């Protein structure tokens, strides 16, 4: 009999574009709320998560860098974290201005969320088993009302 426990993972479960302000001089300000769930489906071992870091970007420009402190998730459990991500005013070049103009006219704007997390199980006398999780996804919003178009965004293996 082969036992294959599931690797701990993180995923985006919800998001909202709280604010987007753009003026014709080319300054952009945003605030996005992202709910990230850390999940441990292993029924026999607690999982620890560390070295959590993400970068939120728009059309290649970094909007914000996110980081989290180390934390634990109990056996067969999950924990949600709300990241509220405000940006400072971001000056746009003409190409970026055109991109934002078009996105607002189409009522569809896409941000990229990329990052990593280190997960670990303690396995009795054997020590620990460590994994890296990588996140690379697109967060699509409707600027008119801030709603998030849900799409698969997880470090879980497919």
Protein backbone atom coordinates (compact mmCIF):
# COMPACT_ATOMS: atom_id res chain seq x y z
CA UNK A 1 0.00 0.00 0.00
CA UNK A 2 1.40 3.39 -1.02
CA UNK A 3 0.48 6.44 1.04
CA UNK A 4 0.55 9.67 -0.94
CA UNK A 5 -0.38 12.61 1.29
CA UNK A 6 -1.37 15.87 -0.36
CA UNK A 7 1.17 18.68 -0.34
CA UNK A 8 0.09 21.83 1.57
CA UNK A 9 -0.88 24.62 -0.82
CA UNK A 10 -2.16 28.17 -1.10
CA UNK A 11 -4.82 29.57 -3.40
CA UNK A 12 -6.68 32.79 -4.09
CA UNK A 13 -10.27 32.23 -3.00
CA UNK A 14 -11.62 35.75 -3.50
CA UNK A 15 -10.57 39.23 -4.52
CA UNK A 16 -12.07 42.67 -4.98
CA UNK A 17 -10.90 45.81 -6.74
CA UNK A 18 -11.71 48.25 -3.95
CA UNK A 19 -10.51 51.35 -5.76
CA UNK A 20 -9.02 52.38 -9.07
CA UNK A 21 -8.29 56.02 -9.77
CA UNK A 22 -6.71 57.12 -13.00
CA UNK A 23 -6.26 60.66 -14.26
CA UNK A 24 -5.37 61.92 -17.71
CA UNK A 25 -1.96 63.10 -16.50
CA UNK A 26 -1.12 59.40 -16.23
CA UNK A 27 -1.27 58.75 -12.47
CA UNK A 28 -2.82 55.47 -11.36
CA UNK A 29 -3.83 54.48 -7.83
CA UNK A 30 -5.44 51.19 -6.87
CA UNK A 31 -6.47 49.20 -3.86
CA UNK A 32 -7.17 45.49 -4.11
CA UNK A 33 -8.26 43.01 -1.44
CA UNK A 34 -7.02 39.46 -2.03
CA UNK A 35 -8.09 36.49 0.11
CA UNK A 36 -5.43 33.78 0.15
CA UNK A 37 -6.18 30.40 1.71
CA UNK A 38 -3.43 28.18 3.10
CA UNK A 39 -4.62 24.59 3.10
CA UNK A 40 -3.31 21.41 4.69
CA UNK A 41 -5.25 18.32 3.59
CA UNK A 42 -2.94 15.98 5.52
CA UNK A 43 -4.93 14.31 8.32
CA UNK A 44 -1.79 13.17 10.18
CA UNK A 45 0.53 16.20 10.32
CA UNK A 46 0.43 19.94 10.93
CA UNK A 47 1.95 22.07 8.16
CA UNK A 48 4.06 25.16 8.50
CA UNK A 49 4.21 27.89 5.86
CA UNK A 50 7.11 30.34 5.58
CA UNK A 51 8.99 32.56 3.15
CA UNK A 52 5.65 33.73 1.75
CA UNK A 53 6.12 36.48 -0.83
CA UNK A 54 4.04 37.76 -3.74
CA UNK A 55 4.32 40.49 -6.35
CA UNK A 56 1.22 42.18 -7.74
CA UNK A 57 1.72 43.84 -11.11
CA UNK A 58 -0.24 45.48 -13.90
CA UNK A 59 0.99 45.27 -17.48
CA UNK A 60 4.55 44.64 -16.27
CA UNK A 61 4.64 47.38 -13.61
CA UNK A 62 5.00 46.27 -10.03
CA UNK A 63 2.11 47.64 -7.97
CA UNK A 64 2.99 46.04 -4.64
CA UNK A 65 5.08 43.40 -2.93
CA UNK A 66 3.37 41.25 -0.31
CA UNK A 67 4.98 39.15 2.38
CA UNK A 68 3.71 37.03 5.23
CA UNK A 69 5.12 35.90 8.54
CA UNK A 70 5.59 32.16 9.15
CA UNK A 71 2.43 30.39 10.34
CA UNK A 72 1.03 26.92 11.03
CA UNK A 73 -2.05 25.14 9.71
CA UNK A 74 -3.46 22.27 11.75
CA UNK A 75 -4.08 18.81 10.36
CA UNK A 76 -6.82 18.68 7.73
CA UNK A 77 -7.52 22.40 8.07
CA UNK A 78 -7.15 25.75 6.33
CA UNK A 79 -6.54 29.39 7.23
CA UNK A 80 -7.61 32.47 5.24
CA UNK A 81 -5.57 35.67 5.04
CA UNK A 82 -6.92 38.99 3.78
CA UNK A 83 -4.31 41.07 2.00
CA UNK A 84 -5.45 44.66 1.48
CA UNK A 85 -3.10 46.05 -1.15
CA UNK A 86 -3.11 49.83 -1.67
CA UNK A 87 -0.73 51.34 -4.21
CA UNK A 88 1.06 54.64 -4.10
CA UNK A 89 0.38 56.91 -7.09
CA UNK A 90 2.02 55.22 -10.08
CA UNK A 91 3.15 57.38 -13.01
CA UNK A 92 2.37 55.69 -16.32
CA UNK A 93 4.21 56.03 -19.61
CA UNK A 94 2.12 56.56 -22.80
CA UNK A 95 1.93 52.82 -23.60
CA UNK A 96 0.77 52.00 -20.07
CA UNK A 97 -1.75 54.89 -20.24
CA UNK A 98 -3.21 53.40 -23.44
CA UNK A 99 -3.42 49.99 -21.77
CA UNK A 100 -5.29 51.40 -18.73
CA UNK A 101 -7.57 53.52 -20.98
CA UNK A 102 -8.51 50.46 -23.02
CA UNK A 103 -9.00 48.32 -19.91
CA UNK A 104 -11.35 50.88 -18.37
CA UNK A 105 -13.32 51.25 -21.63
CA UNK A 106 -13.70 47.46 -21.89
CA UNK A 107 -14.54 47.24 -18.16
CA UNK A 108 -11.92 44.52 -17.76
CA UNK A 109 -8.54 44.94 -16.09
CA UNK A 110 -6.08 42.14 -15.34
CA UNK A 111 -3.42 42.14 -12.63
CA UNK A 112 -0.71 39.49 -12.32
CA UNK A 113 -0.01 37.82 -8.99
CA UNK A 114 3.22 35.85 -8.72
CA UNK A 115 5.02 34.45 -5.74
CA UNK A 116 6.32 31.59 -3.66
CA UNK A 117 5.68 29.88 -0.36
CA UNK A 118 7.72 27.31 1.55
CA UNK A 119 5.71 24.54 3.22
CA UNK A 120 6.83 21.86 5.61
CA UNK A 121 5.50 18.85 7.47
CA UNK A 122 7.10 17.38 10.55
CA UNK A 123 7.15 13.60 10.12
CA UNK A 124 7.73 11.98 13.50
CA UNK A 125 11.26 10.72 14.00
CA UNK A 126 12.07 11.11 10.30
CA UNK A 127 12.35 14.89 10.59
CA UNK A 128 10.56 17.15 8.15
CA UNK A 129 9.51 17.20 4.52
CA UNK A 130 9.77 20.55 2.73
CA UNK A 131 8.13 21.81 -0.46
CA UNK A 132 8.13 24.99 -2.52
CA UNK A 133 4.85 26.27 -3.90
CA UNK A 134 4.80 28.68 -6.85
CA UNK A 135 1.90 30.97 -7.70
CA UNK A 136 1.53 32.58 -11.14
CA UNK A 137 -1.93 33.77 -12.05
CA UNK A 138 -4.08 36.53 -13.50
CA UNK A 139 -6.63 38.39 -11.39
CA UNK A 140 -9.32 39.82 -13.66
CA UNK A 141 -11.67 42.54 -12.40
CA UNK A 142 -14.54 44.70 -13.65
CA UNK A 143 -13.47 48.26 -12.76
CA UNK A 144 -17.09 49.50 -12.86
CA UNK A 145 -18.04 47.53 -9.74
CA UNK A 146 -14.79 45.93 -8.53
CA UNK A 147 -15.92 42.33 -8.97
CA UNK A 148 -13.37 39.58 -9.47
CA UNK A 149 -13.81 37.03 -12.24
CA UNK A 150 -12.82 33.84 -10.46
CA UNK A 151 -10.17 31.70 -12.13
CA UNK A 152 -7.89 28.93 -10.92
CA UNK A 153 -5.06 30.46 -8.92
CA UNK A 154 -3.24 27.94 -6.74
CA UNK A 155 0.12 26.37 -5.94
CA UNK A 156 -1.59 22.96 -5.91
CA UNK A 157 -0.30 20.53 -8.52
CA UNK A 158 -2.78 19.86 -11.31
